[in-house]
Protein backbone atom coordinates (compact mmCIF):
# COMPACT_ATOMS: atom_id res chain seq x y z
CA MET A 1 -2.42 15.87 -27.67
CA ARG A 2 -2.27 18.50 -24.97
CA CYS A 3 -0.81 21.87 -25.92
CA GLY A 4 0.81 24.65 -23.98
CA ARG A 5 2.71 22.50 -21.49
CA PRO A 6 6.52 22.64 -21.53
CA VAL A 7 8.25 19.35 -22.29
CA GLU A 8 10.82 19.73 -19.51
CA GLY A 9 9.75 19.81 -15.88
CA PRO A 10 10.85 22.50 -13.45
CA PRO A 11 14.42 21.96 -12.22
CA GLY A 12 15.02 20.50 -8.79
CA LEU A 13 11.89 18.36 -8.47
CA ARG A 14 12.13 15.18 -6.40
CA PHE A 15 11.38 11.99 -8.33
CA ASP A 16 7.84 11.60 -7.00
CA ASP A 17 7.08 15.27 -7.72
CA GLN A 18 8.49 14.82 -11.23
CA LEU A 19 6.05 11.92 -11.75
CA VAL A 20 3.12 14.11 -10.75
CA TRP A 21 4.32 16.84 -13.12
CA THR A 22 4.80 14.34 -15.95
CA VAL A 23 1.18 13.16 -15.72
CA GLY A 24 0.41 16.37 -17.63
CA HIS A 25 3.14 15.82 -20.23
CA PRO A 26 2.15 16.54 -23.85
CA ASP A 27 3.52 13.12 -24.92
CA ALA A 28 0.61 10.82 -24.08
CA ASP A 29 2.82 7.74 -23.64
CA ARG A 30 4.96 9.53 -21.04
CA ALA A 31 1.86 10.82 -19.27
CA VAL A 32 0.34 7.33 -19.03
CA LEU A 33 3.58 5.83 -17.72
CA ALA A 34 3.84 8.68 -15.19
CA ALA A 35 0.26 7.98 -14.07
CA GLN A 36 1.01 4.28 -13.56
CA THR A 37 4.20 4.71 -11.55
CA PRO A 38 2.84 6.38 -8.38
CA GLY A 39 0.51 3.41 -7.88
CA ALA A 40 3.37 0.95 -8.20
CA ARG A 41 5.42 3.03 -5.74
CA ARG A 42 2.42 3.80 -3.47
CA VAL A 43 3.10 7.56 -3.63
CA ALA A 44 0.30 8.99 -1.49
CA ALA A 45 1.30 12.56 -2.42
CA ALA A 46 0.23 11.84 -6.01
CA LEU A 47 -3.35 10.88 -5.12
CA ALA A 48 -4.90 14.35 -5.57
CA ALA A 49 -3.22 14.82 -8.95
CA LEU A 50 -4.32 11.37 -10.12
CA ARG A 51 -7.92 12.01 -9.09
CA ARG A 52 -7.82 15.34 -10.92
CA VAL A 53 -6.60 13.59 -14.09
CA VAL A 54 -9.48 11.12 -13.92
CA ASP A 55 -12.06 13.83 -13.23
CA GLU A 56 -10.79 16.35 -15.81
CA ASP A 57 -8.74 14.63 -18.52
CA ARG A 58 -10.23 13.76 -21.86
CA ASP A 59 -7.69 11.02 -22.64
CA PRO A 60 -9.38 7.80 -21.53
CA TYR A 61 -6.12 5.80 -21.49
CA LEU A 62 -4.52 8.34 -19.18
CA ALA A 63 -7.64 8.51 -17.02
CA VAL A 64 -7.78 4.72 -16.60
CA ALA A 65 -4.05 4.56 -15.76
CA ALA A 66 -4.54 7.31 -13.17
CA LEU A 67 -7.63 5.58 -11.77
CA ARG A 68 -5.83 2.26 -11.34
CA SER A 69 -2.90 4.04 -9.73
CA ALA A 70 -5.18 5.90 -7.32
CA ILE A 71 -6.82 2.61 -6.31
CA ALA A 72 -3.39 1.04 -5.72
CA ILE A 73 -2.46 3.95 -3.46
CA ALA A 74 -5.65 4.51 -1.46
CA GLY A 75 -7.58 1.26 -1.82
CA ARG A 76 -11.08 0.55 -3.08
CA GLU A 77 -12.87 1.18 0.21
CA GLU A 78 -11.41 4.64 0.73
CA LEU A 79 -12.34 5.58 -2.84
CA ARG A 80 -15.73 3.83 -2.91
CA ASP A 81 -17.88 6.99 -3.22
CA TRP A 82 -15.69 8.36 -6.01
CA LEU A 83 -15.66 5.01 -7.81
CA GLU A 84 -19.44 4.83 -7.64
CA GLN A 85 -19.63 8.31 -9.20
CA LEU A 86 -17.24 7.19 -11.95
CA THR A 87 -19.56 4.33 -12.90
CA HIS A 88 -21.61 7.11 -14.56
CA SER A 89 -18.65 8.66 -16.41
CA GLU A 90 -19.04 9.67 -20.04
CA SER A 91 -15.96 7.60 -20.85
CA PHE A 92 -16.87 3.93 -21.20
CA MET A 93 -13.28 3.02 -20.34
CA VAL A 94 -13.42 4.93 -17.05
CA ARG A 95 -16.91 3.55 -16.31
CA GLU A 96 -15.72 -0.01 -16.90
CA ALA A 97 -12.56 0.42 -14.80
CA ALA A 98 -14.60 1.87 -11.93
CA GLN A 99 -17.17 -0.95 -12.16
CA ARG A 100 -14.42 -3.57 -12.07
CA ALA A 101 -12.86 -1.94 -9.02
CA LEU A 102 -16.08 -2.16 -7.04
CA PRO A 103 -16.76 -5.55 -5.47
C-alpha cells in the first residue's frame, strides 16, 4: 500500500486527468482500474504517466495494467525498444507481459 497520497484528487480535474491522478491512488484496486481505463479510452495524454508507473512502481499488478494500457494507446511497434528493455525487468509479471507483447 502506498502512503502519503491523499485519497481525493485535486478539484476541477477533467475525467482523463483524474484517471492519471488515480493511477497513484493508495487503494490498489482503484489504481489498477485507473491504469486500465486510459488504454480502453485511448487517452494519449496518459502515456507518460503509465510508462512511469511501469518503470517505477513496485506493485506488479498495477505495472502490468499500466503496461497493457500503454500498448493499447501507443501500439507495440512504437513501444518496441521499451518493451525489449522490460523483458529484463525484475518483476516476472512485467517481463512476461512485455514478452507476450513482442511478436
